[in-house]
Amino acid sequence: VGQFIENTFSEHDNSSQSTAELKEPYFSF
């Protein structure tokens, strides 16, 4: 219940991985 509340009703951190770290396609949902 605690995880569900925090994950579903709070803002997601949309900061993406830095360009220099990307070695292949990175998927986030």
mmCIF file of all heavy atoms, coordinates in Angstrom:
data_MODEL
# 
_entry.id   MODEL 
# 
loop_
_atom_site.group_PDB 
_atom_site.id 
_atom_site.type_symbol 
_atom_site.label_atom_id 
_atom_site.label_alt_id 
_atom_site.label_comp_id 
_atom_site.label_asym_id 
_atom_site.label_entity_id 
_atom_site.label_seq_id 
_atom_site.pdbx_PDB_ins_code 
_atom_site.Cartn_x 
_atom_site.Cartn_y 
_atom_site.Cartn_z 
_atom_site.occupancy 
_atom_site.B_iso_or_equiv 
_atom_site.pdbx_formal_charge 
_atom_site.auth_seq_id 
_atom_site.auth_comp_id 
_atom_site.auth_asym_id 
_atom_site.auth_atom_id 
_atom_site.pdbx_PDB_model_num 
ATOM 1   N N   . VAL A 1 1  ? 0.838  -1.207 0.000   1.00 0.00 ? 1  VAL A N   1 
ATOM 2   C CA  . VAL A 1 1  ? 0.000  0.000  0.000   1.00 0.00 ? 1  VAL A CA  1 
ATOM 3   C C   . VAL A 1 1  ? 0.867  1.250  0.000   1.00 0.00 ? 1  VAL A C   1 
ATOM 4   O O   . VAL A 1 1  ? 0.613  2.206  -0.748  1.00 0.00 ? 1  VAL A O   1 
ATOM 5   C CB  . VAL A 1 1  ? -0.955 -0.007 1.211   1.00 0.00 ? 1  VAL A CB  1 
ATOM 6   C CG1 . VAL A 1 1  ? -1.549 1.384  1.447   1.00 0.00 ? 1  VAL A CG1 1 
ATOM 7   C CG2 . VAL A 1 1  ? -2.075 -1.017 0.983   1.00 0.00 ? 1  VAL A CG2 1 
ATOM 8   N N   . GLY A 1 2  ? 1.920  1.257  0.836   1.00 0.00 ? 2  GLY A N   1 
ATOM 9   C CA  . GLY A 1 2  ? 2.801  2.419  0.881   1.00 0.00 ? 2  GLY A CA  1 
ATOM 10  C C   . GLY A 1 2  ? 3.476  2.682  -0.453  1.00 0.00 ? 2  GLY A C   1 
ATOM 11  O O   . GLY A 1 2  ? 3.519  3.823  -0.930  1.00 0.00 ? 2  GLY A O   1 
ATOM 12  N N   . GLN A 1 3  ? 4.000  1.631  -1.093  1.00 0.00 ? 3  GLN A N   1 
ATOM 13  C CA  . GLN A 1 3  ? 4.649  1.789  -2.394  1.00 0.00 ? 3  GLN A CA  1 
ATOM 14  C C   . GLN A 1 3  ? 3.660  2.233  -3.459  1.00 0.00 ? 3  GLN A C   1 
ATOM 15  O O   . GLN A 1 3  ? 3.977  3.078  -4.295  1.00 0.00 ? 3  GLN A O   1 
ATOM 16  C CB  . GLN A 1 3  ? 5.294  0.467  -2.817  1.00 0.00 ? 3  GLN A CB  1 
ATOM 17  C CG  . GLN A 1 3  ? 6.488  0.058  -1.984  1.00 0.00 ? 3  GLN A CG  1 
ATOM 18  C CD  . GLN A 1 3  ? 7.080  -1.255 -2.455  1.00 0.00 ? 3  GLN A CD  1 
ATOM 19  O OE1 . GLN A 1 3  ? 7.357  -1.433 -3.634  1.00 0.00 ? 3  GLN A OE1 1 
ATOM 20  N NE2 . GLN A 1 3  ? 7.264  -2.178 -1.535  1.00 0.00 ? 3  GLN A NE2 1 
ATOM 21  N N   . PHE A 1 4  ? 2.476  1.656  -3.427  1.00 0.00 ? 4  PHE A N   1 
ATOM 22  C CA  . PHE A 1 4  ? 1.457  2.010  -4.423  1.00 0.00 ? 4  PHE A CA  1 
ATOM 23  C C   . PHE A 1 4  ? 1.087  3.483  -4.321  1.00 0.00 ? 4  PHE A C   1 
ATOM 24  O O   . PHE A 1 4  ? 1.016  4.187  -5.338  1.00 0.00 ? 4  PHE A O   1 
ATOM 25  C CB  . PHE A 1 4  ? 0.221  1.137  -4.220  1.00 0.00 ? 4  PHE A CB  1 
ATOM 26  C CG  . PHE A 1 4  ? -0.986 1.621  -4.978  1.00 0.00 ? 4  PHE A CG  1 
ATOM 27  C CD1 . PHE A 1 4  ? -1.060 1.480  -6.351  1.00 0.00 ? 4  PHE A CD1 1 
ATOM 28  C CD2 . PHE A 1 4  ? -2.043 2.238  -4.304  1.00 0.00 ? 4  PHE A CD2 1 
ATOM 29  C CE1 . PHE A 1 4  ? -2.169 1.945  -7.049  1.00 0.00 ? 4  PHE A CE1 1 
ATOM 30  C CE2 . PHE A 1 4  ? -3.142 2.699  -4.997  1.00 0.00 ? 4  PHE A CE2 1 
ATOM 31  C CZ  . PHE A 1 4  ? -3.211 2.549  -6.373  1.00 0.00 ? 4  PHE A CZ  1 
ATOM 32  N N   . ILE A 1 5  ? 0.866  3.969  -3.108  1.00 0.00 ? 5  ILE A N   1 
ATOM 33  C CA  . ILE A 1 5  ? 0.494  5.370  -2.920  1.00 0.00 ? 5  ILE A CA  1 
ATOM 34  C C   . ILE A 1 5  ? 1.591  6.294  -3.429  1.00 0.00 ? 5  ILE A C   1 
ATOM 35  O O   . ILE A 1 5  ? 1.338  7.254  -4.172  1.00 0.00 ? 5  ILE A O   1 
ATOM 36  C CB  . ILE A 1 5  ? 0.198  5.646  -1.434  1.00 0.00 ? 5  ILE A CB  1 
ATOM 37  C CG1 . ILE A 1 5  ? -1.119 4.982  -1.008  1.00 0.00 ? 5  ILE A CG1 1 
ATOM 38  C CG2 . ILE A 1 5  ? 0.134  7.141  -1.163  1.00 0.00 ? 5  ILE A CG2 1 
ATOM 39  C CD1 . ILE A 1 5  ? -2.353 5.598  -1.613  1.00 0.00 ? 5  ILE A CD1 1 
ATOM 40  N N   . GLU A 1 6  ? 2.825  6.029  -3.048  1.00 0.00 ? 6  GLU A N   1 
ATOM 41  C CA  . GLU A 1 6  ? 3.934  6.898  -3.440  1.00 0.00 ? 6  GLU A CA  1 
ATOM 42  C C   . GLU A 1 6  ? 4.206  6.830  -4.935  1.00 0.00 ? 6  GLU A C   1 
ATOM 43  O O   . GLU A 1 6  ? 4.512  7.834  -5.573  1.00 0.00 ? 6  GLU A O   1 
ATOM 44  C CB  . GLU A 1 6  ? 5.201  6.524  -2.661  1.00 0.00 ? 6  GLU A CB  1 
ATOM 45  C CG  . GLU A 1 6  ? 5.110  6.830  -1.179  1.00 0.00 ? 6  GLU A CG  1 
ATOM 46  C CD  . GLU A 1 6  ? 4.757  8.289  -0.909  1.00 0.00 ? 6  GLU A CD  1 
ATOM 47  O OE1 . GLU A 1 6  ? 5.344  9.176  -1.560  1.00 0.00 ? 6  GLU A OE1 1 
ATOM 48  O OE2 . GLU A 1 6  ? 3.898  8.535  -0.058  1.00 0.00 ? 6  GLU A OE2 1 
ATOM 49  N N   . ASN A 1 7  ? 4.107  5.650  -5.532  1.00 0.00 ? 7  ASN A N   1 
ATOM 50  C CA  . ASN A 1 7  ? 4.393  5.497  -6.960  1.00 0.00 ? 7  ASN A CA  1 
ATOM 51  C C   . ASN A 1 7  ? 3.301  6.074  -7.847  1.00 0.00 ? 7  ASN A C   1 
ATOM 52  O O   . ASN A 1 7  ? 3.591  6.653  -8.895  1.00 0.00 ? 7  ASN A O   1 
ATOM 53  C CB  . ASN A 1 7  ? 4.557  4.015  -7.308  1.00 0.00 ? 7  ASN A CB  1 
ATOM 54  C CG  . ASN A 1 7  ? 5.846  3.430  -6.791  1.00 0.00 ? 7  ASN A CG  1 
ATOM 55  O OD1 . ASN A 1 7  ? 6.642  4.114  -6.165  1.00 0.00 ? 7  ASN A OD1 1 
ATOM 56  N ND2 . ASN A 1 7  ? 6.060  2.157  -7.034  1.00 0.00 ? 7  ASN A ND2 1 
ATOM 57  N N   . THR A 1 8  ? 2.050  5.921  -7.421  1.00 0.00 ? 8  THR A N   1 
ATOM 58  C CA  . THR A 1 8  ? 0.933  6.229  -8.310  1.00 0.00 ? 8  THR A CA  1 
ATOM 59  C C   . THR A 1 8  ? 0.438  7.652  -8.174  1.00 0.00 ? 8  THR A C   1 
ATOM 60  O O   . THR A 1 8  ? 0.030  8.271  -9.161  1.00 0.00 ? 8  THR A O   1 
ATOM 61  C CB  . THR A 1 8  ? -0.241 5.256  -8.039  1.00 0.00 ? 8  THR A CB  1 
ATOM 62  O OG1 . THR A 1 8  ? 0.240  3.911  -8.093  1.00 0.00 ? 8  THR A OG1 1 
ATOM 63  C CG2 . THR A 1 8  ? -1.341 5.436  -9.075  1.00 0.00 ? 8  THR A CG2 1 
ATOM 64  N N   . PHE A 1 9  ? 0.481  8.206  -6.965  1.00 0.00 ? 9  PHE A N   1 
ATOM 65  C CA  . PHE A 1 9  ? -0.102 9.527  -6.747  1.00 0.00 ? 9  PHE A CA  1 
ATOM 66  C C   . PHE A 1 9  ? 0.947  10.598 -6.467  1.00 0.00 ? 9  PHE A C   1 
ATOM 67  O O   . PHE A 1 9  ? 0.654  11.624 -5.879  1.00 0.00 ? 9  PHE A O   1 
ATOM 68  C CB  . PHE A 1 9  ? -1.103 9.478  -5.592  1.00 0.00 ? 9  PHE A CB  1 
ATOM 69  C CG  . PHE A 1 9  ? -2.238 8.521  -5.839  1.00 0.00 ? 9  PHE A CG  1 
ATOM 70  C CD1 . PHE A 1 9  ? -2.277 7.299  -5.204  1.00 0.00 ? 9  PHE A CD1 1 
ATOM 71  C CD2 . PHE A 1 9  ? -3.240 8.840  -6.739  1.00 0.00 ? 9  PHE A CD2 1 
ATOM 72  C CE1 . PHE A 1 9  ? -3.313 6.410  -5.435  1.00 0.00 ? 9  PHE A CE1 1 
ATOM 73  C CE2 . PHE A 1 9  ? -4.280 7.957  -6.975  1.00 0.00 ? 9  PHE A CE2 1 
ATOM 74  C CZ  . PHE A 1 9  ? -4.325 6.739  -6.332  1.00 0.00 ? 9  PHE A CZ  1 
ATOM 75  N N   . SER A 1 10 ? 2.184  10.359 -6.872  1.00 0.00 ? 10 SER A N   1 
ATOM 76  C CA  . SER A 1 10 ? 3.232  11.368 -6.728  1.00 0.00 ? 10 SER A CA  1 
ATOM 77  C C   . SER A 1 10 ? 3.940  11.522 -8.046  1.00 0.00 ? 10 SER A C   1 
ATOM 78  O O   . SER A 1 10 ? 3.900  10.629 -8.897  1.00 0.00 ? 10 SER A O   1 
ATOM 79  C CB  . SER A 1 10 ? 4.228  10.967 -5.643  1.00 0.00 ? 10 SER A CB  1 
ATOM 80  O OG  . SER A 1 10 ? 4.852  9.741  -5.980  1.00 0.00 ? 10 SER A OG  1 
ATOM 81  N N   . GLU A 1 11 ? 4.604  12.672 -8.239  1.00 0.00 ? 11 GLU A N   1 
ATOM 82  C CA  . GLU A 1 11 ? 5.274  12.944 -9.495  1.00 0.00 ? 11 GLU A CA  1 
ATOM 83  C C   . GLU A 1 11 ? 6.472  12.037 -9.661  1.00 0.00 ? 11 GLU A C   1 
ATOM 84  O O   . GLU A 1 11 ? 7.236  11.787 -8.741  1.00 0.00 ? 11 GLU A O   1 
ATOM 85  C CB  . GLU A 1 11 ? 5.734  14.408 -9.557  1.00 0.00 ? 11 GLU A CB  1 
ATOM 86  C CG  . GLU A 1 11 ? 4.576  15.393 -9.628  1.00 0.00 ? 11 GLU A CG  1 
ATOM 87  C CD  . GLU A 1 11 ? 5.084  16.801 -9.817  1.00 0.00 ? 11 GLU A CD  1 
ATOM 88  O OE1 . GLU A 1 11 ? 6.303  16.983 -9.929  1.00 0.00 ? 11 GLU A OE1 1 
ATOM 89  O OE2 . GLU A 1 11 ? 4.249  17.722 -9.873  1.00 0.00 ? 11 GLU A OE2 1 
ATOM 90  N N   . HIS A 1 12 ? 6.630  11.566 -10.935 1.00 0.00 ? 12 HIS A N   1 
ATOM 91  C CA  . HIS A 1 12 ? 7.780  10.718 -11.256 1.00 0.00 ? 12 HIS A CA  1 
ATOM 92  C C   . HIS A 1 12 ? 8.980  11.568 -11.600 1.00 0.00 ? 12 HIS A C   1 
ATOM 93  O O   . HIS A 1 12 ? 8.844  12.605 -12.221 1.00 0.00 ? 12 HIS A O   1 
ATOM 94  C CB  . HIS A 1 12 ? 7.422  9.818  -12.440 1.00 0.00 ? 12 HIS A CB  1 
ATOM 95  C CG  . HIS A 1 12 ? 8.508  8.880  -12.849 1.00 0.00 ? 12 HIS A CG  1 
ATOM 96  N ND1 . HIS A 1 12 ? 9.296  8.199  -11.950 1.00 0.00 ? 12 HIS A ND1 1 
ATOM 97  C CD2 . HIS A 1 12 ? 8.953  8.519  -14.065 1.00 0.00 ? 12 HIS A CD2 1 
ATOM 98  C CE1 . HIS A 1 12 ? 10.153 7.444  -12.593 1.00 0.00 ? 12 HIS A CE1 1 
ATOM 99  N NE2 . HIS A 1 12 ? 9.979  7.626  -13.893 1.00 0.00 ? 12 HIS A NE2 1 
ATOM 100 N N   . ASP A 1 13 ? 10.148 11.094 -11.151 1.00 0.00 ? 13 ASP A N   1 
ATOM 101 C CA  . ASP A 1 13 ? 11.379 11.797 -11.524 1.00 0.00 ? 13 ASP A CA  1 
ATOM 102 C C   . ASP A 1 13 ? 11.697 11.503 -12.977 1.00 0.00 ? 13 ASP A C   1 
ATOM 103 O O   . ASP A 1 13 ? 12.048 10.394 -13.337 1.00 0.00 ? 13 ASP A O   1 
ATOM 104 C CB  . ASP A 1 13 ? 12.531 11.310 -10.633 1.00 0.00 ? 13 ASP A CB  1 
ATOM 105 C CG  . ASP A 1 13 ? 13.848 11.993 -10.970 1.00 0.00 ? 13 ASP A CG  1 
ATOM 106 O OD1 . ASP A 1 13 ? 13.821 12.982 -11.728 1.00 0.00 ? 13 ASP A OD1 1 
ATOM 107 O OD2 . ASP A 1 13 ? 14.889 11.533 -10.463 1.00 0.00 ? 13 ASP A OD2 1 
ATOM 108 N N   . ASN A 1 14 ? 11.561 12.538 -13.822 1.00 0.00 ? 14 ASN A N   1 
ATOM 109 C CA  . ASN A 1 14 ? 11.750 12.346 -15.249 1.00 0.00 ? 14 ASN A CA  1 
ATOM 110 C C   . ASN A 1 14 ? 13.161 12.652 -15.705 1.00 0.00 ? 14 ASN A C   1 
ATOM 111 O O   . ASN A 1 14 ? 13.422 12.740 -16.902 1.00 0.00 ? 14 ASN A O   1 
ATOM 112 C CB  . ASN A 1 14 ? 10.772 13.240 -16.027 1.00 0.00 ? 14 ASN A CB  1 
ATOM 113 C CG  . ASN A 1 14 ? 9.348  12.743 -15.867 1.00 0.00 ? 14 ASN A CG  1 
ATOM 114 O OD1 . ASN A 1 14 ? 9.089  11.557 -15.932 1.00 0.00 ? 14 ASN A OD1 1 
ATOM 115 N ND2 . ASN A 1 14 ? 8.431  13.663 -15.650 1.00 0.00 ? 14 ASN A ND2 1 
ATOM 116 N N   . SER A 1 15 ? 14.044 12.871 -14.764 1.00 0.00 ? 15 SER A N   1 
ATOM 117 C CA  . SER A 1 15 ? 15.406 13.175 -15.196 1.00 0.00 ? 15 SER A CA  1 
ATOM 118 C C   . SER A 1 15 ? 15.968 11.976 -15.931 1.00 0.00 ? 15 SER A C   1 
ATOM 119 O O   . SER A 1 15 ? 15.946 10.859 -15.446 1.00 0.00 ? 15 SER A O   1 
ATOM 120 C CB  . SER A 1 15 ? 16.280 13.510 -13.983 1.00 0.00 ? 15 SER A CB  1 
ATOM 121 O OG  . SER A 1 15 ? 16.287 12.443 -13.071 1.00 0.00 ? 15 SER A OG  1 
ATOM 122 N N   . SER A 1 16 ? 16.448 12.207 -17.111 1.00 0.00 ? 16 SER A N   1 
ATOM 123 C CA  . SER A 1 16 ? 16.932 11.123 -17.945 1.00 0.00 ? 16 SER A CA  1 
ATOM 124 C C   . SER A 1 16 ? 18.405 10.863 -17.686 1.00 0.00 ? 16 SER A C   1 
ATOM 125 O O   . SER A 1 16 ? 19.126 11.686 -17.152 1.00 0.00 ? 16 SER A O   1 
ATOM 126 C CB  . SER A 1 16 ? 16.722 11.454 -19.425 1.00 0.00 ? 16 SER A CB  1 
ATOM 127 O OG  . SER A 1 16 ? 17.415 12.641 -19.740 1.00 0.00 ? 16 SER A OG  1 
ATOM 128 N N   . GLN A 1 17 ? 18.835 9.689  -18.094 1.00 0.00 ? 17 GLN A N   1 
ATOM 129 C CA  . GLN A 1 17 ? 20.241 9.342  -17.953 1.00 0.00 ? 17 GLN A CA  1 
ATOM 130 C C   . GLN A 1 17 ? 21.053 10.263 -18.849 1.00 0.00 ? 17 GLN A C   1 
ATOM 131 O O   . GLN A 1 17 ? 20.643 10.627 -19.926 1.00 0.00 ? 17 GLN A O   1 
ATOM 132 C CB  . GLN A 1 17 ? 20.417 7.882  -18.390 1.00 0.00 ? 17 GLN A CB  1 
ATOM 133 C CG  . GLN A 1 17 ? 21.735 7.284  -17.979 1.00 0.00 ? 17 GLN A CG  1 
ATOM 134 C CD  . GLN A 1 17 ? 21.739 5.782  -18.224 1.00 0.00 ? 17 GLN A CD  1 
ATOM 135 O OE1 . GLN A 1 17 ? 20.755 5.220  -18.659 1.00 0.00 ? 17 GLN A OE1 1 
ATOM 136 N NE2 . GLN A 1 17 ? 22.843 5.138  -17.947 1.00 0.00 ? 17 GLN A NE2 1 
ATOM 137 N N   . SER A 1 18 ? 22.230 10.671 -18.394 1.00 0.00 ? 18 SER A N   1 
ATOM 138 C CA  . SER A 1 18 ? 23.038 11.606 -19.160 1.00 0.00 ? 18 SER A CA  1 
ATOM 139 C C   . SER A 1 18 ? 23.455 11.001 -20.481 1.00 0.00 ? 18 SER A C   1 
ATOM 140 O O   . SER A 1 18 ? 23.632 9.794  -20.608 1.00 0.00 ? 18 SER A O   1 
ATOM 141 C CB  . SER A 1 18 ? 24.273 12.020 -18.360 1.00 0.00 ? 18 SER A CB  1 
ATOM 142 O OG  . SER A 1 18 ? 25.137 10.914 -18.198 1.00 0.00 ? 18 SER A OG  1 
ATOM 143 N N   . THR A 1 19 ? 23.598 11.859 -21.486 1.00 0.00 ? 19 THR A N   1 
ATOM 144 C CA  . THR A 1 19 ? 23.931 11.396 -22.827 1.00 0.00 ? 19 THR A CA  1 
ATOM 145 C C   . THR A 1 19 ? 25.189 10.552 -22.835 1.00 0.00 ? 19 THR A C   1 
ATOM 146 O O   . THR A 1 19 ? 25.285 9.556  -23.540 1.00 0.00 ? 19 THR A O   1 
ATOM 147 C CB  . THR A 1 19 ? 24.119 12.617 -23.752 1.00 0.00 ? 19 THR A CB  1 
ATOM 148 O OG1 . THR A 1 19 ? 22.920 13.388 -23.732 1.00 0.00 ? 19 THR A OG1 1 
ATOM 149 C CG2 . THR A 1 19 ? 24.411 12.186 -25.159 1.00 0.00 ? 19 THR A CG2 1 
ATOM 150 N N   . ALA A 1 20 ? 26.192 10.949 -22.045 1.00 0.00 ? 20 ALA A N   1 
ATOM 151 C CA  . ALA A 1 20 ? 27.469 10.238 -22.068 1.00 0.00 ? 20 ALA A CA  1 
ATOM 152 C C   . ALA A 1 20 ? 27.332 8.800  -21.594 1.00 0.00 ? 20 ALA A C   1 
ATOM 153 O O   . ALA A 1 20 ? 28.162 7.959  -21.913 1.00 0.00 ? 20 ALA A O   1 
ATOM 154 C CB  . ALA A 1 20 ? 28.484 10.971 -21.211 1.00 0.00 ? 20 ALA A CB  1 
ATOM 155 N N   . GLU A 1 21 ? 26.290 8.486  -20.825 1.00 0.00 ? 21 GLU A N   1 
ATOM 156 C CA  . GLU A 1 21 ? 26.137 7.150  -20.276 1.00 0.00 ? 21 GLU A CA  1 
ATOM 157 C C   . GLU A 1 21 ? 25.370 6.228  -21.207 1.00 0.00 ? 21 GLU A C   1 
ATOM 158 O O   . GLU A 1 21 ? 25.336 5.025  -21.016 1.00 0.00 ? 21 GLU A O   1 
ATOM 159 C CB  . GLU A 1 21 ? 25.415 7.220  -18.922 1.00 0.00 ? 21 GLU A CB  1 
ATOM 160 C CG  . GLU A 1 21 ? 26.202 7.951  -17.846 1.00 0.00 ? 21 GLU A CG  1 
ATOM 161 C CD  . GLU A 1 21 ? 25.398 8.108  -16.572 1.00 0.00 ? 21 GLU A CD  1 
ATOM 162 O OE1 . GLU A 1 21 ? 24.185 7.856  -16.605 1.00 0.00 ? 21 GLU A OE1 1 
ATOM 163 O OE2 . GLU A 1 21 ? 25.979 8.481  -15.552 1.00 0.00 ? 21 GLU A OE2 1 
ATOM 164 N N   . LEU A 1 22 ? 24.712 6.749  -22.213 1.00 0.00 ? 22 LEU A N   1 
ATOM 165 C CA  . LEU A 1 22 ? 23.879 5.943  -23.079 1.00 0.00 ? 22 LEU A CA  1 
ATOM 166 C C   . LEU A 1 22 ? 24.732 5.131  -24.038 1.00 0.00 ? 22 LEU A C   1 
ATOM 167 O O   . LEU A 1 22 ? 25.414 5.670  -24.893 1.00 0.00 ? 22 LEU A O   1 
ATOM 168 C CB  . LEU A 1 22 ? 22.907 6.827  -23.863 1.00 0.00 ? 22 LEU A CB  1 
ATOM 169 C CG  . LEU A 1 22 ? 21.755 7.422  -23.057 1.00 0.00 ? 22 LEU A CG  1 
ATOM 170 C CD1 . LEU A 1 22 ? 20.943 8.350  -23.930 1.00 0.00 ? 22 LEU A CD1 1 
ATOM 171 C CD2 . LEU A 1 22 ? 20.874 6.331  -22.476 1.00 0.00 ? 22 LEU A CD2 1 
ATOM 172 N N   . LYS A 1 23 ? 24.677 3.805  -23.903 1.00 0.00 ? 23 LYS A N   1 
ATOM 173 C CA  . LYS A 1 23 ? 25.403 2.913  -24.790 1.00 0.00 ? 23 LYS A CA  1 
ATOM 174 C C   . LYS A 1 23 ? 24.447 2.151  -25.717 1.00 0.00 ? 23 LYS A C   1 
ATOM 175 O O   . LYS A 1 23 ? 24.880 1.532  -26.676 1.00 0.00 ? 23 LYS A O   1 
ATOM 176 C CB  . LYS A 1 23 ? 26.213 1.899  -23.974 1.00 0.00 ? 23 LYS A CB  1 
ATOM 177 C CG  . LYS A 1 23 ? 27.191 2.540  -22.986 1.00 0.00 ? 23 LYS A CG  1 
ATOM 178 C CD  . LYS A 1 23 ? 28.247 3.371  -23.685 1.00 0.00 ? 23 LYS A CD  1 
ATOM 179 C CE  . LYS A 1 23 ? 29.252 3.918  -22.678 1.00 0.00 ? 23 LYS A CE  1 
ATOM 180 N NZ  . LYS A 1 23 ? 30.251 4.791  -23.314 1.00 0.00 ? 23 LYS A NZ  1 
ATOM 181 N N   . GLU A 1 24 ? 23.163 2.178  -25.399 1.00 0.00 ? 24 GLU A N   1 
ATOM 182 C CA  . GLU A 1 24 ? 22.155 1.475  -26.178 1.00 0.00 ? 24 GLU A CA  1 
ATOM 183 C C   . GLU A 1 24 ? 20.802 2.096  -25.864 1.00 0.00 ? 24 GLU A C   1 
ATOM 184 O O   . GLU A 1 24 ? 20.696 2.928  -24.957 1.00 0.00 ? 24 GLU A O   1 
ATOM 185 C CB  . GLU A 1 24 ? 22.163 -0.006 -25.799 1.00 0.00 ? 24 GLU A CB  1 
ATOM 186 C CG  . GLU A 1 24 ? 21.837 -0.253 -24.322 1.00 0.00 ? 24 GLU A CG  1 
ATOM 187 C CD  . GLU A 1 24 ? 21.719 -1.725 -23.998 1.00 0.00 ? 24 GLU A CD  1 
ATOM 188 O OE1 . GLU A 1 24 ? 20.795 -2.360 -24.545 1.00 0.00 ? 24 GLU A OE1 1 
ATOM 189 O OE2 . GLU A 1 24 ? 22.534 -2.219 -23.201 1.00 0.00 ? 24 GLU A OE2 1 
ATOM 190 N N   . PRO A 1 25 ? 19.751 1.726  -26.602 1.00 0.00 ? 25 PRO A N   1 
ATOM 191 C CA  . PRO A 1 25 ? 18.423 2.288  -26.312 1.00 0.00 ? 25 PRO A CA  1 
ATOM 192 C C   . PRO A 1 25 ? 18.023 2.072  -24.851 1.00 0.00 ? 25 PRO A C   1 
ATOM 193 O O   . PRO A 1 25 ? 18.209 0.995  -24.291 1.00 0.00 ? 25 PRO A O   1 
ATOM 194 C CB  . PRO A 1 25 ? 17.506 1.513  -27.270 1.00 0.00 ? 25 PRO A CB  1 
ATOM 195 C CG  . PRO A 1 25 ? 18.390 1.166  -28.417 1.00 0.00 ? 25 PRO A CG  1 
ATOM 196 C CD  . PRO A 1 25 ? 19.746 0.894  -27.812 1.00 0.00 ? 25 PRO A CD  1 
ATOM 197 N N   . TYR A 1 26 ? 17.494 3.121  -24.259 1.00 0.00 ? 26 TYR A N   1 
ATOM 198 C CA  . TYR A 1 26 ? 17.094 3.107  -22.844 1.00 0.00 ? 26 TYR A CA  1 
ATOM 199 C C   . TYR A 1 26 ? 15.600 3.387  -22.781 1.00 0.00 ? 26 TYR A C   1 
ATOM 200 O O   . TYR A 1 26 ? 15.117 4.369  -23.339 1.00 0.00 ? 26 TYR A O   1 
ATOM 201 C CB  . TYR A 1 26 ? 17.870 4.173  -22.075 1.00 0.00 ? 26 TYR A CB  1 
ATOM 202 C CG  . TYR A 1 26 ? 17.666 4.141  -20.575 1.00 0.00 ? 26 TYR A CG  1 
ATOM 203 C CD1 . TYR A 1 26 ? 18.533 3.448  -19.755 1.00 0.00 ? 26 TYR A CD1 1 
ATOM 204 C CD2 . TYR A 1 26 ? 16.608 4.826  -19.987 1.00 0.00 ? 26 TYR A CD2 1 
ATOM 205 C CE1 . TYR A 1 26 ? 18.365 3.423  -18.374 1.00 0.00 ? 26 TYR A CE1 1 
ATOM 206 C CE2 . TYR A 1 26 ? 16.423 4.802  -18.611 1.00 0.00 ? 26 TYR A CE2 1 
ATOM 207 C CZ  . TYR A 1 26 ? 17.303 4.098  -17.811 1.00 0.00 ? 26 TYR A CZ  1 
ATOM 208 O OH  . TYR A 1 26 ? 17.111 4.079  -16.444 1.00 0.00 ? 26 TYR A OH  1 
ATOM 209 N N   . PHE A 1 27 ? 14.850 2.488  -22.120 1.00 0.00 ? 27 PHE A N   1 
ATOM 210 C CA  . PHE A 1 27 ? 13.394 2.590  -22.096 1.00 0.00 ? 27 PHE A CA  1 
ATOM 211 C C   . PHE A 1 27 ? 12.924 2.959  -20.694 1.00 0.00 ? 27 PHE A C   1 
ATOM 212 O O   . PHE A 1 27 ? 13.418 2.411  -19.706 1.00 0.00 ? 27 PHE A O   1 
ATOM 213 C CB  . PHE A 1 27 ? 12.769 1.251  -22.510 1.00 0.00 ? 27 PHE A CB  1 
ATOM 214 C CG  . PHE A 1 27 ? 11.263 1.275  -22.551 1.00 0.00 ? 27 PHE A CG  1 
ATOM 215 C CD1 . PHE A 1 27 ? 10.593 1.823  -23.628 1.00 0.00 ? 27 PHE A CD1 1 
ATOM 216 C CD2 . PHE A 1 27 ? 10.527 0.743  -21.506 1.00 0.00 ? 27 PHE A CD2 1 
ATOM 217 C CE1 . PHE A 1 27 ? 9.213  1.838  -23.674 1.00 0.00 ? 27 PHE A CE1 1 
ATOM 218 C CE2 . PHE A 1 27 ? 9.144  0.753  -21.533 1.00 0.00 ? 27 PHE A CE2 1 
ATOM 219 C CZ  . PHE A 1 27 ? 8.488  1.303  -22.623 1.00 0.00 ? 27 PHE A CZ  1 
ATOM 220 N N   . SER A 1 28 ? 11.976 3.885  -20.617 1.00 0.00 ? 28 SER A N   1 
ATOM 221 C CA  . SER A 1 28 ? 11.422 4.281  -19.321 1.00 0.00 ? 28 SER A CA  1 
ATOM 222 C C   . SER A 1 28 ? 9.923  4.526  -19.466 1.00 0.00 ? 28 SER A C   1 
ATOM 223 O O   . SER A 1 28 ? 9.491  5.181  -20.420 1.00 0.00 ? 28 SER A O   1 
ATOM 224 C CB  . SER A 1 28 ? 12.113 5.552  -18.822 1.00 0.00 ? 28 SER A CB  1 
ATOM 225 O OG  . SER A 1 28 ? 11.569 5.952  -17.580 1.00 0.00 ? 28 SER A OG  1 
ATOM 226 N N   . PHE A 1 29 ? 9.145  3.971  -18.532 1.00 0.00 ? 29 PHE A N   1 
ATOM 227 C CA  . PHE A 1 29 ? 7.687  4.119  -18.569 1.00 0.00 ? 29 PHE A CA  1 
ATOM 228 C C   . PHE A 1 29 ? 7.177  4.245  -17.149 1.00 0.00 ? 29 PHE A C   1 
ATOM 229 O O   . PHE A 1 29 ? 7.629  3.544  -16.245 1.00 0.00 ? 29 PHE A O   1 
ATOM 230 C CB  . PHE A 1 29 ? 7.053  2.890  -19.239 1.00 0.00 ? 29 PHE A CB  1 
ATOM 231 C CG  . PHE A 1 29 ? 5.551  2.841  -19.122 1.00 0.00 ? 29 PHE A CG  1 
ATOM 232 C CD1 . PHE A 1 29 ? 4.757  3.526  -20.018 1.00 0.00 ? 29 PHE A CD1 1 
ATOM 233 C CD2 . PHE A 1 29 ? 4.945  2.111  -18.108 1.00 0.00 ? 29 PHE A CD2 1 
ATOM 234 C CE1 . PHE A 1 29 ? 3.375  3.477  -19.920 1.00 0.00 ? 29 PHE A CE1 1 
ATOM 235 C CE2 . PHE A 1 29 ? 3.566  2.062  -17.994 1.00 0.00 ? 29 PHE A CE2 1 
ATOM 236 C CZ  . PHE A 1 29 ? 2.775  2.743  -18.909 1.00 0.00 ? 29 PHE A CZ  1 
# 
